[in-house]
Amino acid sequence: MLLSYYTACDTNEEMEMVRGNLSFFLFVESANRMELIATGVKSWVAYLVNIMSRYKEYWGLIKEVIEKTELGETLRKTDKKGTINRKVLEFNLQSESSSIEFFSILMKTYPEIFLK
């Protein structure tokens, strides 16, 4: 899995971007497989709150992952208290996306999510 992230990189800058955002890539992989990978948490809500707080600048990408995987449906069923919506407001998250380079790596690594 980790190797596939690096093989998608065309430049050293992209490799550094992957290295600095491994937790985000693991989030995408977790959502893609619908299993909590190397997280240390037991619920999707807790995991997503953690990702949202660490990667506020990637909120647009996080939303795509939620919408284009089974994670969206799982959150609708399990987030009975509305924690995710509260955190979106609390963190003042905007849908404006991150760097084109980062999106490019995600597209090459997860076309089934980011090219749908």
PDB file of N, CA and C in Angstrom:
ATOM      1  N   MET A   1       0.833  -1.190   0.000  1.00  0.00           N
ATOM      2  CA  MET A   1       0.000   0.000   0.000  1.00  0.00           C
ATOM      3  C   MET A   1       0.875   1.251   0.000  1.00  0.00           C
ATOM      4  N   LEU A   2       1.810   1.355   0.927  1.00  0.00           N
ATOM      5  CA  LEU A   2       2.663   2.528   1.024  1.00  0.00           C
ATOM      6  C   LEU A   2       3.467   2.737  -0.249  1.00  0.00           C
ATOM      7  N   LEU A   3       3.942   1.660  -0.816  1.00  0.00           N
ATOM      8  CA  LEU A   3       4.727   1.751  -2.039  1.00  0.00           C
ATOM      9  C   LEU A   3       3.899   2.321  -3.186  1.00  0.00           C
ATOM     10  N   SER A   4       2.624   1.991  -3.252  1.00  0.00           N
ATOM     11  CA  SER A   4       1.782   2.498  -4.342  1.00  0.00           C
ATOM     12  C   SER A   4       1.659   4.017  -4.294  1.00  0.00           C
ATOM     13  N   TYR A   5       1.721   4.595  -3.104  1.00  0.00           N
ATOM     14  CA  TYR A   5       1.667   6.058  -2.997  1.00  0.00           C
ATOM     15  C   TYR A   5       2.896   6.668  -3.654  1.00  0.00           C
ATOM     16  N   TYR A   6       4.042   6.092  -3.383  1.00  0.00           N
ATOM     17  CA  TYR A   6       5.286   6.633  -3.930  1.00  0.00           C
ATOM     18  C   TYR A   6       5.437   6.363  -5.423  1.00  0.00           C
ATOM     19  N   THR A   7       4.934   5.241  -5.891  1.00  0.00           N
ATOM     20  CA  THR A   7       5.036   4.968  -7.324  1.00  0.00           C
ATOM     21  C   THR A   7       4.140   5.901  -8.135  1.00  0.00           C
ATOM     22  N   ALA A   8       3.164   6.496  -7.516  1.00  0.00           N
ATOM     23  CA  ALA A   8       2.301   7.452  -8.206  1.00  0.00           C
ATOM     24  C   ALA A   8       2.969   8.821  -8.350  1.00  0.00           C
ATOM     25  N   CYS A   9       4.082   9.014  -7.668  1.00  0.00           N
ATOM     26  CA  CYS A   9       4.769  10.307  -7.675  1.00  0.00           C
ATOM     27  C   CYS A   9       5.701  10.431  -8.872  1.00  0.00           C
ATOM     28  N   ASP A  10       5.671  11.598  -9.496  1.00  0.00           N
ATOM     29  CA  ASP A  10       6.546  11.873 -10.630  1.00  0.00           C
ATOM     30  C   ASP A  10       7.757  12.719 -10.242  1.00  0.00           C
ATOM     31  N   THR A  11       7.661  13.407  -9.111  1.00  0.00           N
ATOM     32  CA  THR A  11       8.746  14.306  -8.700  1.00  0.00           C
ATOM     33  C   THR A  11       9.074  14.093  -7.218  1.00  0.00           C
ATOM     34  N   ASN A  12      10.225  14.599  -6.820  1.00  0.00           N
ATOM     35  CA  ASN A  12      10.604  14.558  -5.400  1.00  0.00           C
ATOM     36  C   ASN A  12       9.638  15.367  -4.547  1.00  0.00           C
ATOM     37  N   GLU A  13       9.124  16.456  -5.091  1.00  0.00           N
ATOM     38  CA  GLU A  13       8.157  17.279  -4.353  1.00  0.00           C
ATOM     39  C   GLU A  13       6.893  16.478  -4.052  1.00  0.00           C
ATOM     40  N   GLU A  14       6.440  15.700  -5.018  1.00  0.00           N
ATOM     41  CA  GLU A  14       5.263  14.859  -4.798  1.00  0.00           C
ATOM     42  C   GLU A  14       5.558  13.806  -3.738  1.00  0.00           C
ATOM     43  N   MET A  15       6.761  13.237  -3.761  1.00  0.00           N
ATOM     44  CA  MET A  15       7.134  12.240  -2.748  1.00  0.00           C
ATOM     45  C   MET A  15       7.128  12.865  -1.352  1.00  0.00           C
ATOM     46  N   GLU A  16       7.617  14.081  -1.248  1.00  0.00           N
ATOM     47  CA  GLU A  16       7.598  14.795   0.039  1.00  0.00           C
ATOM     48  C   GLU A  16       6.169  15.068   0.479  1.00  0.00           C
ATOM     49  N   MET A  17       5.318  15.397  -0.473  1.00  0.00           N
ATOM     50  CA  MET A  17       3.917  15.652  -0.162  1.00  0.00           C
ATOM     51  C   MET A  17       3.254  14.387   0.391  1.00  0.00           C
ATOM     52  N   VAL A  18       3.554  13.252  -0.203  1.00  0.00           N
ATOM     53  CA  VAL A  18       3.019  11.981   0.287  1.00  0.00           C
ATOM     54  C   VAL A  18       3.543  11.711   1.687  1.00  0.00           C
ATOM     55  N   ARG A  19       4.848  11.853   1.858  1.00  0.00           N
ATOM     56  CA  ARG A  19       5.472  11.583   3.153  1.00  0.00           C
ATOM     57  C   ARG A  19       4.862  12.451   4.261  1.00  0.00           C
ATOM     58  N   GLY A  20       4.581  13.707   3.946  1.00  0.00           N
ATOM     59  CA  GLY A  20       4.014  14.617   4.931  1.00  0.00           C
ATOM     60  C   GLY A  20       2.531  14.422   5.191  1.00  0.00           C
ATOM     61  N   ASN A  21       1.881  13.611   4.364  1.00  0.00           N
ATOM     62  CA  ASN A  21       0.429  13.427   4.477  1.00  0.00           C
ATOM     63  C   ASN A  21       0.022  11.957   4.517  1.00  0.00           C
ATOM     64  N   LEU A  22       0.882  11.110   5.045  1.00  0.00           N
ATOM     65  CA  LEU A  22       0.587   9.671   5.073  1.00  0.00           C
ATOM     66  C   LEU A  22      -0.712   9.352   5.810  1.00  0.00           C
ATOM     67  N   SER A  23      -0.984  10.073   6.882  1.00  0.00           N
ATOM     68  CA  SER A  23      -2.230   9.827   7.621  1.00  0.00           C
ATOM     69  C   SER A  23      -3.447  10.095   6.747  1.00  0.00           C
ATOM     70  N   PHE A  24      -3.355  11.097   5.887  1.00  0.00           N
ATOM     71  CA  PHE A  24      -4.472  11.385   4.994  1.00  0.00           C
ATOM     72  C   PHE A  24      -4.650  10.247   3.989  1.00  0.00           C
ATOM     73  N   PHE A  25      -3.538   9.761   3.439  1.00  0.00           N
ATOM     74  CA  PHE A  25      -3.623   8.639   2.506  1.00  0.00           C
ATOM     75  C   PHE A  25      -4.197   7.401   3.187  1.00  0.00           C
ATOM     76  N   LEU A  26      -3.836   7.177   4.439  1.00  0.00           N
ATOM     77  CA  LEU A  26      -4.407   6.038   5.179  1.00  0.00           C
ATOM     78  C   LEU A  26      -5.899   6.228   5.414  1.00  0.00           C
ATOM     79  N   PHE A  27      -6.327   7.464   5.607  1.00  0.00           N
ATOM     80  CA  PHE A  27      -7.761   7.750   5.730  1.00  0.00           C
ATOM     81  C   PHE A  27      -8.482   7.368   4.436  1.00  0.00           C
ATOM     82  N   VAL A  28      -7.923   7.772   3.303  1.00  0.00           N
ATOM     83  CA  VAL A  28      -8.555   7.454   2.022  1.00  0.00           C
ATOM     84  C   VAL A  28      -8.598   5.945   1.821  1.00  0.00           C
ATOM     85  N   GLU A  29      -7.504   5.282   2.133  1.00  0.00           N
ATOM     86  CA  GLU A  29      -7.459   3.819   2.009  1.00  0.00           C
ATOM     87  C   GLU A  29      -8.472   3.164   2.951  1.00  0.00           C
ATOM     88  N   SER A  30      -8.555   3.669   4.162  1.00  0.00           N
ATOM     89  CA  SER A  30      -9.524   3.132   5.131  1.00  0.00           C
ATOM     90  C   SER A  30     -10.944   3.264   4.604  1.00  0.00           C
ATOM     91  N   ALA A  31     -11.286   4.437   4.084  1.00  0.00           N
ATOM     92  CA  ALA A  31     -12.628   4.656   3.540  1.00  0.00           C
ATOM     93  C   ALA A  31     -12.863   3.788   2.310  1.00  0.00           C
ATOM     94  N   ASN A  32     -11.855   3.636   1.505  1.00  0.00           N
ATOM     95  CA  ASN A  32     -11.986   2.819   0.297  1.00  0.00           C
ATOM     96  C   ASN A  32     -12.264   1.360   0.648  1.00  0.00           C
ATOM     97  N   ARG A  33     -11.579   0.857   1.661  1.00  0.00           N
ATOM     98  CA  ARG A  33     -11.779  -0.538   2.098  1.00  0.00           C
ATOM     99  C   ARG A  33     -12.893  -0.683   3.125  1.00  0.00           C
ATOM    100  N   MET A  34     -13.311   0.430   3.712  1.00  0.00           N
ATOM    101  CA  MET A  34     -14.287   0.454   4.802  1.00  0.00           C
ATOM    102  C   MET A  34     -13.808  -0.368   5.995  1.00  0.00           C
ATOM    103  N   GLU A  35     -12.544  -0.138   6.357  1.00  0.00           N
ATOM    104  CA  GLU A  35     -11.992  -0.704   7.577  1.00  0.00           C
ATOM    105  C   GLU A  35     -11.012   0.313   8.153  1.00  0.00           C
ATOM    106  N   LEU A  36     -11.039   0.453   9.448  1.00  0.00           N
ATOM    107  CA  LEU A  36     -10.173   1.420  10.122  1.00  0.00           C
ATOM    108  C   LEU A  36      -8.755   0.863  10.158  1.00  0.00           C
ATOM    109  N   ILE A  37      -7.881   1.432   9.344  1.00  0.00           N
ATOM    110  CA  ILE A  37      -6.513   0.946   9.198  1.00  0.00           C
ATOM    111  C   ILE A  37      -5.573   1.791  10.060  1.00  0.00           C
ATOM    112  N   ALA A  38      -4.893   1.125  10.981  1.00  0.00           N
ATOM    113  CA  ALA A  38      -3.848   1.772  11.798  1.00  0.00           C
ATOM    114  C   ALA A  38      -4.291   3.090  12.408  1.00  0.00           C
ATOM    115  N   THR A  39      -5.489   3.106  12.996  1.00  0.00           N
ATOM    116  CA  THR A  39      -6.014   4.362  13.515  1.00  0.00           C
ATOM    117  C   THR A  39      -5.978   4.461  15.030  1.00  0.00           C
ATOM    118  N   GLY A  40      -6.166   3.352  15.705  1.00  0.00           N
ATOM    119  CA  GLY A  40      -6.229   3.389  17.159  1.00  0.00           C
ATOM    120  C   GLY A  40      -7.580   3.834  17.696  1.00  0.00           C
ATOM    121  N   VAL A  41      -8.549   4.076  16.819  1.00  0.00           N
ATOM    122  CA  VAL A  41      -9.901   4.435  17.254  1.00  0.00           C
ATOM    123  C   VAL A  41     -10.867   3.343  16.828  1.00  0.00           C
ATOM    124  N   LYS A  42     -12.024   3.335  17.456  1.00  0.00           N
ATOM    125  CA  LYS A  42     -12.978   2.257  17.196  1.00  0.00           C
ATOM    126  C   LYS A  42     -14.208   2.710  16.410  1.00  0.00           C
ATOM    127  N   SER A  43     -14.317   4.007  16.131  1.00  0.00           N
ATOM    128  CA  SER A  43     -15.504   4.467  15.400  1.00  0.00           C
ATOM    129  C   SER A  43     -15.104   5.385  14.249  1.00  0.00           C
ATOM    130  N   TRP A  44     -15.907   5.339  13.203  1.00  0.00           N
ATOM    131  CA  TRP A  44     -15.670   6.200  12.058  1.00  0.00           C
ATOM    132  C   TRP A  44     -15.839   7.663  12.416  1.00  0.00           C
ATOM    133  N   VAL A  45     -16.773   7.966  13.290  1.00  0.00           N
ATOM    134  CA  VAL A  45     -17.001   9.358  13.678  1.00  0.00           C
ATOM    135  C   VAL A  45     -15.746   9.920  14.353  1.00  0.00           C
ATOM    136  N   ALA A  46     -15.198   9.196  15.317  1.00  0.00           N
ATOM    137  CA  ALA A  46     -13.988   9.657  16.003  1.00  0.00           C
ATOM    138  C   ALA A  46     -12.826   9.789  15.024  1.00  0.00           C
ATOM    139  N   TYR A  47     -12.697   8.841  14.120  1.00  0.00           N
ATOM    140  CA  TYR A  47     -11.622   8.874  13.136  1.00  0.00           C
ATOM    141  C   TYR A  47     -11.762  10.096  12.228  1.00  0.00           C
ATOM    142  N   LEU A  48     -12.966  10.327  11.749  1.00  0.00           N
ATOM    143  CA  LEU A  48     -13.180  11.448  10.844  1.00  0.00           C
ATOM    144  C   LEU A  48     -12.957  12.786  11.541  1.00  0.00           C
ATOM    145  N   VAL A  49     -13.373  12.914  12.789  1.00  0.00           N
ATOM    146  CA  VAL A  49     -13.131  14.159  13.534  1.00  0.00           C
ATOM    147  C   VAL A  49     -11.627  14.412  13.625  1.00  0.00           C
ATOM    148  N   ASN A  50     -10.860  13.375  13.877  1.00  0.00           N
ATOM    149  CA  ASN A  50      -9.410  13.500  13.934  1.00  0.00           C
ATOM    150  C   ASN A  50      -8.847  13.964  12.587  1.00  0.00           C
ATOM    151  N   ILE A  51      -9.273  13.350  11.511  1.00  0.00           N
ATOM    152  CA  ILE A  51      -8.812  13.719  10.169  1.00  0.00           C
ATOM    153  C   ILE A  51      -9.228  15.154   9.841  1.00  0.00           C
ATOM    154  N   MET A  52     -10.456  15.515  10.171  1.00  0.00           N
ATOM    155  CA  MET A  52     -10.935  16.867   9.898  1.00  0.00           C
ATOM    156  C   MET A  52     -10.104  17.913  10.640  1.00  0.00           C
ATOM    157  N   SER A  53      -9.731  17.622  11.863  1.00  0.00           N
ATOM    158  CA  SER A  53      -8.969  18.601  12.638  1.00  0.00           C
ATOM    159  C   SER A  53      -7.524  18.708  12.145  1.00  0.00           C
ATOM    160  N   ARG A  54      -6.971  17.615  11.667  1.00  0.00           N
ATOM    161  CA  ARG A  54      -5.578  17.626  11.180  1.00  0.00           C
ATOM    162  C   ARG A  54      -5.437  18.157   9.766  1.00  0.00           C
ATOM    163  N   TYR A  55      -6.455  17.953   8.948  1.00  0.00           N
ATOM    164  CA  TYR A  55      -6.361  18.293   7.523  1.00  0.00           C
ATOM    165  C   TYR A  55      -7.489  19.234   7.099  1.00  0.00           C
ATOM    166  N   LYS A  56      -7.654  20.315   7.824  1.00  0.00           N
ATOM    167  CA  LYS A  56      -8.721  21.278   7.519  1.00  0.00           C
ATOM    168  C   LYS A  56      -8.636  21.796   6.087  1.00  0.00           C
ATOM    169  N   GLU A  57      -7.399  21.974   5.613  1.00  0.00           N
ATOM    170  CA  GLU A  57      -7.207  22.514   4.265  1.00  0.00           C
ATOM    171  C   GLU A  57      -7.634  21.530   3.178  1.00  0.00           C
ATOM    172  N   TYR A  58      -7.873  20.283   3.538  1.00  0.00           N
ATOM    173  CA  TYR A  58      -8.288  19.265   2.577  1.00  0.00           C
ATOM    174  C   TYR A  58      -9.776  18.921   2.706  1.00  0.00           C
ATOM    175  N   TRP A  59     -10.554  19.789   3.294  1.00  0.00           N
ATOM    176  CA  TRP A  59     -11.961  19.489   3.528  1.00  0.00           C
ATOM    177  C   TRP A  59     -12.685  19.103   2.241  1.00  0.00           C
ATOM    178  N   GLY A  60     -12.403  19.784   1.146  1.00  0.00           N
ATOM    179  CA  GLY A  60     -13.043  19.433  -0.127  1.00  0.00           C
ATOM    180  C   GLY A  60     -12.736  18.000  -0.539  1.00  0.00           C
ATOM    181  N   LEU A  61     -11.516  17.571  -0.323  1.00  0.00           N
ATOM    182  CA  LEU A  61     -11.117  16.198  -0.650  1.00  0.00           C
ATOM    183  C   LEU A  61     -11.738  15.200   0.320  1.00  0.00           C
ATOM    184  N   ILE A  62     -11.806  15.566   1.593  1.00  0.00           N
ATOM    185  CA  ILE A  62     -12.441  14.707   2.598  1.00  0.00           C
ATOM    186  C   ILE A  62     -13.903  14.480   2.216  1.00  0.00           C
ATOM    187  N   LYS A  63     -14.587  15.548   1.816  1.00  0.00           N
ATOM    188  CA  LYS A  63     -15.987  15.420   1.403  1.00  0.00           C
ATOM    189  C   LYS A  63     -16.141  14.473   0.223  1.00  0.00           C
ATOM    190  N   GLU A  64     -15.220  14.557  -0.735  1.00  0.00           N
ATOM    191  CA  GLU A  64     -15.275  13.651  -1.885  1.00  0.00           C
ATOM    192  C   GLU A  64     -15.158  12.202  -1.438  1.00  0.00           C
ATOM    193  N   VAL A  65     -14.221  11.951  -0.530  1.00  0.00           N
ATOM    194  CA  VAL A  65     -14.034  10.588  -0.026  1.00  0.00           C
ATOM    195  C   VAL A  65     -15.310  10.107   0.652  1.00  0.00           C
ATOM    196  N   ILE A  66     -15.914  10.951   1.464  1.00  0.00           N
ATOM    197  CA  ILE A  66     -17.145  10.585   2.167  1.00  0.00           C
ATOM    198  C   ILE A  66     -18.265  10.284   1.170  1.00  0.00           C
ATOM    199  N   GLU A  67     -18.396  11.136   0.174  1.00  0.00           N
ATOM    200  CA  GLU A  67     -19.491  11.007  -0.783  1.00  0.00           C
ATOM    201  C   GLU A  67     -19.313   9.839  -1.750  1.00  0.00           C
ATOM    202  N   LYS A  68     -18.073   9.502  -2.076  1.00  0.00           N
ATOM    203  CA  LYS A  68     -17.829   8.513  -3.129  1.00  0.00           C
ATOM    204  C   LYS A  68     -17.424   7.137  -2.611  1.00  0.00           C
ATOM    205  N   THR A  69     -17.514   6.960  -1.305  1.00  0.00           N
ATOM    206  CA  THR A  69     -17.277   5.640  -0.718  1.00  0.00           C
ATOM    207  C   THR A  69     -18.473   5.310   0.159  1.00  0.00           C
ATOM    208  N   GLU A  70     -18.461   4.132   0.732  1.00  0.00           N
ATOM    209  CA  GLU A  70     -19.540   3.731   1.638  1.00  0.00           C
ATOM    210  C   GLU A  70     -19.489   4.488   2.965  1.00  0.00           C
ATOM    211  N   LEU A  71     -18.425   5.255   3.172  1.00  0.00           N
ATOM    212  CA  LEU A  71     -18.280   5.989   4.425  1.00  0.00           C
ATOM    213  C   LEU A  71     -19.440   6.948   4.659  1.00  0.00           C
ATOM    214  N   GLY A  72     -19.926   7.580   3.613  1.00  0.00           N
ATOM    215  CA  GLY A  72     -21.053   8.505   3.752  1.00  0.00           C
ATOM    216  C   GLY A  72     -22.267   7.827   4.372  1.00  0.00           C
ATOM    217  N   GLU A  73     -22.616   6.672   3.849  1.00  0.00           N
ATOM    218  CA  GLU A  73     -23.769   5.928   4.372  1.00  0.00           C
ATOM    219  C   GLU A  73     -23.519   5.466   5.804  1.00  0.00           C
ATOM    220  N   THR A  74     -22.311   5.006   6.078  1.00  0.00           N
ATOM    221  CA  THR A  74     -21.967   4.565   7.432  1.00  0.00           C
ATOM    222  C   THR A  74     -22.092   5.722   8.424  1.00  0.00           C
ATOM    223  N   LEU A  75     -21.615   6.891   8.038  1.00  0.00           N
ATOM    224  CA  LEU A  75     -21.711   8.058   8.927  1.00  0.00           C
ATOM    225  C   LEU A  75     -23.169   8.457   9.160  1.00  0.00           C
ATOM    226  N   ARG A  76     -23.986   8.386   8.116  1.00  0.00           N
ATOM    227  CA  ARG A  76     -25.415   8.717   8.284  1.00  0.00           C
ATOM    228  C   ARG A  76     -26.069   7.789   9.306  1.00  0.00           C
ATOM    229  N   LYS A  77     -25.644   6.547   9.331  1.00  0.00           N
ATOM    230  CA  LYS A  77     -26.220   5.578  10.259  1.00  0.00           C
ATOM    231  C   LYS A  77     -25.663   5.703  11.671  1.00  0.00           C
ATOM    232  N   THR A  78     -24.397   6.075  11.799  1.00  0.00           N
ATOM    233  CA  THR A  78     -23.748   6.023  13.116  1.00  0.00           C
ATOM    234  C   THR A  78     -23.614   7.371  13.818  1.00  0.00           C
ATOM    235  N   ASP A  79     -23.648   8.461  13.089  1.00  0.00           N
ATOM    236  CA  ASP A  79     -23.468   9.773  13.715  1.00  0.00           C
ATOM    237  C   ASP A  79     -24.813  10.358  14.134  1.00  0.00           C
ATOM    238  N   LYS A  80     -25.426   9.706  15.089  1.00  0.00           N
ATOM    239  CA  LYS A  80     -26.763  10.096  15.547  1.00  0.00           C
ATOM    240  C   LYS A  80     -26.778  11.461  16.241  1.00  0.00           C
ATOM    241  N   LYS A  81     -25.659  11.858  16.826  1.00  0.00           N
ATOM    242  CA  LYS A  81     -25.591  13.135  17.557  1.00  0.00           C
ATOM    243  C   LYS A  81     -25.204  14.308  16.654  1.00  0.00           C
ATOM    244  N   GLY A  82     -24.914  14.061  15.401  1.00  0.00           N
ATOM    245  CA  GLY A  82     -24.544  15.135  14.484  1.00  0.00           C
ATOM    246  C   GLY A  82     -23.159  15.704  14.734  1.00  0.00           C
ATOM    247  N   THR A  83     -22.272  14.878  15.234  1.00  0.00           N
ATOM    248  CA  THR A  83     -20.922  15.325  15.574  1.00  0.00           C
ATOM    249  C   THR A  83     -20.182  15.881  14.362  1.00  0.00           C
ATOM    250  N   ILE A  84     -20.272  15.214  13.239  1.00  0.00           N
ATOM    251  CA  ILE A  84     -19.539  15.647  12.048  1.00  0.00           C
ATOM    252  C   ILE A  84     -20.011  17.025  11.606  1.00  0.00           C
ATOM    253  N   ASN A  85     -21.306  17.232  11.527  1.00  0.00           N
ATOM    254  CA  ASN A  85     -21.823  18.544  11.120  1.00  0.00           C
ATOM    255  C   ASN A  85     -21.416  19.632  12.102  1.00  0.00           C
ATOM    256  N   ARG A  86     -21.431  19.320  13.387  1.00  0.00           N
ATOM    257  CA  ARG A  86     -20.991  20.296  14.403  1.00  0.00           C
ATOM    258  C   ARG A  86     -19.530  20.658  14.216  1.00  0.00           C
ATOM    259  N   LYS A  87     -18.702  19.660  13.928  1.00  0.00           N
ATOM    260  CA  LYS A  87     -17.270  19.909  13.749  1.00  0.00           C
ATOM    261  C   LYS A  87     -16.998  20.707  12.481  1.00  0.00           C
ATOM    262  N   VAL A  88     -17.773  20.495  11.432  1.00  0.00           N
ATOM    263  CA  VAL A  88     -17.626  21.290  10.211  1.00  0.00           C
ATOM    264  C   VAL A  88     -17.817  22.766  10.548  1.00  0.00           C
ATOM    265  N   LEU A  89     -18.839  23.065  11.322  1.00  0.00           N
ATOM    266  CA  LEU A  89     -19.095  24.450  11.734  1.00  0.00           C
ATOM    267  C   LEU A  89     -18.021  24.951  12.694  1.00  0.00           C
ATOM    268  N   GLU A  90     -17.672  24.131  13.669  1.00  0.00           N
ATOM    269  CA  GLU A  90     -16.673  24.521  14.673  1.00  0.00           C
ATOM    270  C   GLU A  90     -15.319  24.809  14.037  1.00  0.00           C
ATOM    271  N   PHE A  91     -14.907  23.971  13.100  1.00  0.00           N
ATOM    272  CA  PHE A  91     -13.615  24.139  12.439  1.00  0.00           C
ATOM    273  C   PHE A  91     -13.680  25.153  11.299  1.00  0.00           C
ATOM    274  N   ASN A  92     -14.904  25.635  10.999  1.00  0.00           N
ATOM    275  CA  ASN A  92     -15.107  26.590   9.909  1.00  0.00           C
ATOM    276  C   ASN A  92     -14.511  26.058   8.600  1.00  0.00           C
ATOM    277  N   LEU A  93     -14.863  24.827   8.277  1.00  0.00           N
ATOM    278  CA  LEU A  93     -14.286  24.168   7.103  1.00  0.00           C
ATOM    279  C   LEU A  93     -14.896  24.707   5.819  1.00  0.00           C
ATOM    280  N   GLN A  94     -14.035  24.929   4.858  1.00  0.00           N
ATOM    281  CA  GLN A  94     -14.431  25.425   3.547  1.00  0.00           C
ATOM    282  C   GLN A  94     -14.156  24.342   2.524  1.00  0.00           C
ATOM    283  N   SER A  95     -14.930  24.314   1.470  1.00  0.00           N
ATOM    284  CA  SER A  95     -14.764  23.287   0.441  1.00  0.00           C
ATOM    285  C   SER A  95     -13.677  23.612  -0.572  1.00  0.00           C
ATOM    286  N   GLU A  96     -13.067  24.755  -0.432  1.00  0.00           N
ATOM    287  CA  GLU A  96     -12.010  25.090  -1.376  1.00  0.00           C
ATOM    288  C   GLU A  96     -10.895  24.071  -1.251  1.00  0.00           C
ATOM    289  N   SER A  97     -10.453  23.605  -2.393  1.00  0.00           N
ATOM    290  CA  SER A  97      -9.542  22.478  -2.405  1.00  0.00           C
ATOM    291  C   SER A  97      -8.099  22.886  -2.186  1.00  0.00           C
ATOM    292  N   SER A  98      -7.295  21.879  -2.025  1.00  0.00           N
ATOM    293  CA  SER A  98      -5.876  22.029  -1.751  1.00  0.00           C
ATOM    294  C   SER A  98      -5.090  22.132  -3.055  1.00  0.00           C
ATOM    295  N   SER A  99      -3.830  21.856  -2.965  1.00  0.00           N
ATOM    296  CA  SER A  99      -2.944  22.011  -4.119  1.00  0.00           C
ATOM    297  C   SER A  99      -3.289  21.023  -5.232  1.00  0.00           C
ATOM    298  N   ILE A 100      -3.016  21.457  -6.430  1.00  0.00           N
ATOM    299  CA  ILE A 100      -3.257  20.626  -7.608  1.00  0.00           C
ATOM    300  C   ILE A 100      -2.334  19.412  -7.589  1.00  0.00           C
ATOM    301  N   GLU A 101      -1.106  19.598  -7.108  1.00  0.00           N
ATOM    302  CA  GLU A 101      -0.156  18.490  -7.044  1.00  0.00           C
ATOM    303  C   GLU A 101      -0.678  17.372  -6.132  1.00  0.00           C
ATOM    304  N   PHE A 102      -1.216  17.758  -4.978  1.00  0.00           N
ATOM    305  CA  PHE A 102      -1.739  16.772  -4.036  1.00  0.00           C
ATOM    306  C   PHE A 102      -2.928  16.036  -4.648  1.00  0.00           C
ATOM    307  N   PHE A 103      -3.825  16.785  -5.278  1.00  0.00           N
ATOM    308  CA  PHE A 103      -4.975  16.178  -5.929  1.00  0.00           C
ATOM    309  C   PHE A 103      -4.521  15.222  -7.037  1.00  0.00           C
ATOM    310  N   SER A 104      -3.483  15.606  -7.757  1.00  0.00           N
ATOM    311  CA  SER A 104      -2.955  14.761  -8.823  1.00  0.00           C
ATOM    312  C   SER A 104      -2.476  13.413  -8.291  1.00  0.00           C
ATOM    313  N   ILE A 105      -1.782  13.426  -7.166  1.00  0.00           N
ATOM    314  CA  ILE A 105      -1.317  12.171  -6.561  1.00  0.00           C
ATOM    315  C   ILE A 105      -2.517  11.323  -6.141  1.00  0.00           C
ATOM    316  N   LEU A 106      -3.506  11.953  -5.531  1.00  0.00           N
ATOM    317  CA  LEU A 106      -4.709  11.222  -5.114  1.00  0.00           C
ATOM    318  C   LEU A 106      -5.431  10.622  -6.322  1.00  0.00           C
ATOM    319  N   MET A 107      -5.509  11.363  -7.416  1.00  0.00           N
ATOM    320  CA  MET A 107      -6.169  10.844  -8.622  1.00  0.00           C
ATOM    321  C   MET A 107      -5.437   9.624  -9.170  1.00  0.00           C
ATOM    322  N   LYS A 108      -4.108   9.681  -9.160  1.00  0.00           N
ATOM    323  CA  LYS A 108      -3.330   8.556  -9.681  1.00  0.00           C
ATOM    324  C   LYS A 108      -3.425   7.345  -8.752  1.00  0.00           C
ATOM    325  N   THR A 109      -3.531   7.590  -7.463  1.00  0.00           N
ATOM    326  CA  THR A 109      -3.554   6.505  -6.495  1.00  0.00           C
ATOM    327  C   THR A 109      -4.955   5.925  -6.313  1.00  0.00           C
ATOM    328  N   TYR A 110      -5.956   6.792  -6.339  1.00  0.00           N
ATOM    329  CA  TYR A 110      -7.345   6.363  -6.109  1.00  0.00           C
ATOM    330  C   TYR A 110      -8.272   6.889  -7.217  1.00  0.00           C
ATOM    331  N   PRO A 111      -8.066   6.451  -8.440  1.00  0.00           N
ATOM    332  CA  PRO A 111      -8.940   6.953  -9.533  1.00  0.00           C
ATOM    333  C   PRO A 111     -10.398   6.581  -9.299  1.00  0.00           C
ATOM    334  N   GLU A 112     -10.646   5.464  -8.623  1.00  0.00           N
ATOM    335  CA  GLU A 112     -12.033   5.050  -8.378  1.00  0.00           C
ATOM    336  C   GLU A 112     -12.782   6.022  -7.479  1.00  0.00           C
ATOM    337  N   ILE A 113     -12.064   6.852  -6.743  1.00  0.00           N
ATOM    338  CA  ILE A 113     -12.702   7.871  -5.905  1.00  0.00           C
ATOM    339  C   ILE A 113     -12.636   9.236  -6.563  1.00  0.00           C
ATOM    340  N   PHE A 114     -11.466   9.649  -6.997  1.00  0.00           N
ATOM    341  CA  PHE A 114     -11.256  11.025  -7.428  1.00  0.00           C
ATOM    342  C   PHE A 114     -11.486  11.272  -8.925  1.00  0.00           C
ATOM    343  N   LEU A 115     -11.776  10.231  -9.672  1.00  0.00           N
ATOM    344  CA  LEU A 115     -12.112  10.420 -11.081  1.00  0.00           C
ATOM    345  C   LEU A 115     -13.560  10.066 -11.393  1.00  0.00           C
ATOM    346  N   LYS A 116     -14.336   9.743 -10.377  1.00  0.00           N
ATOM    347  CA  LYS A 116     -15.754   9.402 -10.585  1.00  0.00           C
ATOM    348  C   LYS A 116     -16.526  10.623 -11.011  1.00  0.00           C
TER     349      LYS A 116
END
